[in-house]
Amino acid sequence: DPSGTFVQLRLGLAQTTCRKRAPQRHCRVLESRRKPICLACYKFDTSEVPKVLDKYQNCGPSHHLAAKEIRQRDEAECRAVEEAGKGGDTPYLPGMFAFSRGLPA
């Protein structure tokens, strides 16, 4: 895509028996716990040092009653991220413009 690179990640999280302070290599997954699904979408420009044009991140529980609505919203948000930088519109990025106050005449 000439407007940049779009990346979409979908991660399934699971609670394990390992402790945060002493991580181990082999941890047992706790089966009876909630397993949230995380979705992250990023759009990078095509410069030498890629900059993030737009992003969306959401980690929602998979047991939620409105899971279908959350999934639809996530898909719409990711489509918007994917469209970032297209259509000739250059996005406004913080620090792109600087303004100074002139001296009185």
C-alpha atoms as a PDB file:
ATOM      1  CA  ASP A   1       0.000   0.000   0.000  1.00  0.00           C
ATOM      2  CA  PRO A   2       1.604   3.330  -1.002  1.00  0.00           C
ATOM      3  CA  SER A   3       0.133   5.078   2.044  1.00  0.00           C
ATOM      4  CA  GLY A   4       1.969   2.807   4.508  1.00  0.00           C
ATOM      5  CA  THR A   5       2.042  -0.546   6.248  1.00  0.00           C
ATOM      6  CA  PHE A   6      -1.012  -1.828   8.123  1.00  0.00           C
ATOM      7  CA  VAL A   7      -0.546  -4.413  10.893  1.00  0.00           C
ATOM      8  CA  GLN A   8      -3.351  -6.195  12.750  1.00  0.00           C
ATOM      9  CA  LEU A   9      -2.643  -8.390  15.787  1.00  0.00           C
ATOM     10  CA  ARG A  10      -5.137 -10.601  17.613  1.00  0.00           C
ATOM     11  CA  LEU A  11      -3.891 -12.070  20.892  1.00  0.00           C
ATOM     12  CA  GLY A  12      -5.551 -14.468  23.288  1.00  0.00           C
ATOM     13  CA  LEU A  13      -4.500 -13.963  26.897  1.00  0.00           C
ATOM     14  CA  ALA A  14      -4.652 -16.624  29.594  1.00  0.00           C
ATOM     15  CA  GLN A  15      -3.933 -16.583  33.308  1.00  0.00           C
ATOM     16  CA  THR A  16      -1.194 -18.989  34.403  1.00  0.00           C
ATOM     17  CA  THR A  17       0.114 -20.415  37.657  1.00  0.00           C
ATOM     18  CA  CYS A  18       3.417 -18.483  37.374  1.00  0.00           C
ATOM     19  CA  ARG A  19       4.122 -15.529  39.610  1.00  0.00           C
ATOM     20  CA  LYS A  20       5.089 -12.116  38.221  1.00  0.00           C
ATOM     21  CA  ARG A  21       8.157 -11.770  40.433  1.00  0.00           C
ATOM     22  CA  ALA A  22       9.674 -15.178  39.614  1.00  0.00           C
ATOM     23  CA  PRO A  23       8.747 -16.030  36.015  1.00  0.00           C
ATOM     24  CA  GLN A  24       9.264 -19.610  34.880  1.00  0.00           C
ATOM     25  CA  ARG A  25       9.469 -21.179  31.442  1.00  0.00           C
ATOM     26  CA  HIS A  26       6.755 -23.786  31.857  1.00  0.00           C
ATOM     27  CA  CYS A  27       3.554 -22.499  33.419  1.00  0.00           C
ATOM     28  CA  ARG A  28       0.226 -24.230  33.630  1.00  0.00           C
ATOM     29  CA  VAL A  29      -2.772 -22.334  32.207  1.00  0.00           C
ATOM     30  CA  LEU A  30      -5.685 -21.935  34.610  1.00  0.00           C
ATOM     31  CA  GLU A  31      -8.628 -23.331  32.630  1.00  0.00           C
ATOM     32  CA  SER A  32     -11.498 -21.915  34.657  1.00  0.00           C
ATOM     33  CA  ARG A  33     -10.380 -18.275  34.282  1.00  0.00           C
ATOM     34  CA  ARG A  34     -11.461 -15.604  31.812  1.00  0.00           C
ATOM     35  CA  LYS A  35      -9.471 -15.446  28.581  1.00  0.00           C
ATOM     36  CA  PRO A  36      -9.660 -11.963  27.085  1.00  0.00           C
ATOM     37  CA  ILE A  37      -8.999 -11.444  23.389  1.00  0.00           C
ATOM     38  CA  CYS A  38      -6.870  -8.411  22.511  1.00  0.00           C
ATOM     39  CA  LEU A  39      -6.926  -6.660  19.168  1.00  0.00           C
ATOM     40  CA  ALA A  40      -4.331  -4.120  18.076  1.00  0.00           C
ATOM     41  CA  CYS A  41      -4.180  -2.333  14.719  1.00  0.00           C
ATOM     42  CA  TYR A  42      -1.349  -0.048  13.627  1.00  0.00           C
ATOM     43  CA  LYS A  43      -0.670   1.954  10.463  1.00  0.00           C
ATOM     44  CA  PHE A  44       2.918   3.026   9.759  1.00  0.00           C
ATOM     45  CA  ASP A  45       4.082   5.463   7.092  1.00  0.00           C
ATOM     46  CA  THR A  46       6.671   4.579   4.439  1.00  0.00           C
ATOM     47  CA  SER A  47       9.554   6.774   5.650  1.00  0.00           C
ATOM     48  CA  GLU A  48      13.034   5.474   6.532  1.00  0.00           C
ATOM     49  CA  VAL A  49      12.137   5.537  10.222  1.00  0.00           C
ATOM     50  CA  PRO A  50       8.461   4.503  10.220  1.00  0.00           C
ATOM     51  CA  LYS A  51       6.100   6.634  12.272  1.00  0.00           C
ATOM     52  CA  VAL A  52       2.709   5.526  13.549  1.00  0.00           C
ATOM     53  CA  LEU A  53      -0.002   7.251  11.502  1.00  0.00           C
ATOM     54  CA  ASP A  54      -2.869   5.775  13.512  1.00  0.00           C
ATOM     55  CA  LYS A  55      -3.506   2.974  16.008  1.00  0.00           C
ATOM     56  CA  TYR A  56      -6.260   1.154  17.861  1.00  0.00           C
ATOM     57  CA  GLN A  57      -5.926  -1.203  20.833  1.00  0.00           C
ATOM     58  CA  ASN A  58      -8.610  -3.048  22.775  1.00  0.00           C
ATOM     59  CA  CYS A  59      -8.482  -5.954  25.220  1.00  0.00           C
ATOM     60  CA  GLY A  60     -12.018  -7.058  25.962  1.00  0.00           C
ATOM     61  CA  PRO A  61     -13.209 -10.105  27.891  1.00  0.00           C
ATOM     62  CA  SER A  62     -14.406 -12.967  25.704  1.00  0.00           C
ATOM     63  CA  HIS A  63     -17.297 -13.788  28.055  1.00  0.00           C
ATOM     64  CA  HIS A  64     -18.949 -10.375  27.681  1.00  0.00           C
ATOM     65  CA  LEU A  65     -22.619 -10.452  26.715  1.00  0.00           C
ATOM     66  CA  ALA A  66     -22.112  -7.905  23.946  1.00  0.00           C
ATOM     67  CA  ALA A  67     -19.156  -9.695  22.334  1.00  0.00           C
ATOM     68  CA  LYS A  68     -20.660  -9.382  18.851  1.00  0.00           C
ATOM     69  CA  GLU A  69     -21.034  -5.603  19.194  1.00  0.00           C
ATOM     70  CA  ILE A  70     -17.483  -5.297  20.521  1.00  0.00           C
ATOM     71  CA  ARG A  71     -16.160  -7.348  17.592  1.00  0.00           C
ATOM     72  CA  GLN A  72     -18.048  -5.156  15.097  1.00  0.00           C
ATOM     73  CA  ARG A  73     -16.700  -1.981  16.717  1.00  0.00           C
ATOM     74  CA  ASP A  74     -13.169  -3.404  16.684  1.00  0.00           C
ATOM     75  CA  GLU A  75     -13.461  -4.225  12.978  1.00  0.00           C
ATOM     76  CA  ALA A  76     -14.739  -0.717  12.184  1.00  0.00           C
ATOM     77  CA  GLU A  77     -11.931   0.904  14.197  1.00  0.00           C
ATOM     78  CA  CYS A  78      -9.303  -1.246  12.446  1.00  0.00           C
ATOM     79  CA  ARG A  79     -10.730  -0.332   9.028  1.00  0.00           C
ATOM     80  CA  ALA A  80     -10.390   3.345   9.983  1.00  0.00           C
ATOM     81  CA  VAL A  81      -6.769   2.765  11.041  1.00  0.00           C
ATOM     82  CA  GLU A  82      -6.076   0.955   7.754  1.00  0.00           C
ATOM     83  CA  GLU A  83      -7.417   3.948   5.789  1.00  0.00           C
ATOM     84  CA  ALA A  84      -5.111   6.411   7.595  1.00  0.00           C
ATOM     85  CA  GLY A  85      -2.884   8.308   5.184  1.00  0.00           C
ATOM     86  CA  LYS A  86      -4.972   7.522   2.084  1.00  0.00           C
ATOM     87  CA  GLY A  87      -6.866   9.977  -0.058  1.00  0.00           C
ATOM     88  CA  GLY A  88      -4.228  12.700  -0.154  1.00  0.00           C
ATOM     89  CA  ASP A  89      -5.045  13.913   3.340  1.00  0.00           C
ATOM     90  CA  THR A  90      -1.875  14.316   5.310  1.00  0.00           C
ATOM     91  CA  PRO A  91      -2.625  13.557   8.958  1.00  0.00           C
ATOM     92  CA  TYR A  92      -1.903  16.131  11.599  1.00  0.00           C
ATOM     93  CA  LEU A  93       0.731  14.784  13.950  1.00  0.00           C
ATOM     94  CA  PRO A  94       1.692  16.488  17.227  1.00  0.00           C
ATOM     95  CA  GLY A  95       4.661  18.791  16.728  1.00  0.00           C
ATOM     96  CA  MET A  96       4.135  19.050  12.954  1.00  0.00           C
ATOM     97  CA  PHE A  97       3.444  22.786  13.141  1.00  0.00           C
ATOM     98  CA  ALA A  98       4.987  25.459  15.325  1.00  0.00           C
ATOM     99  CA  PHE A  99       3.530  28.890  16.009  1.00  0.00           C
ATOM    100  CA  SER A 100       5.217  31.904  17.479  1.00  0.00           C
ATOM    101  CA  ARG A 101       3.838  35.186  18.659  1.00  0.00           C
ATOM    102  CA  GLY A 102       4.989  38.224  16.699  1.00  0.00           C
ATOM    103  CA  LEU A 103       6.245  41.408  18.273  1.00  0.00           C
ATOM    104  CA  PRO A 104       3.893  44.409  18.242  1.00  0.00           C
ATOM    105  CA  ALA A 105       4.385  46.704  15.252  1.00  0.00           C
END
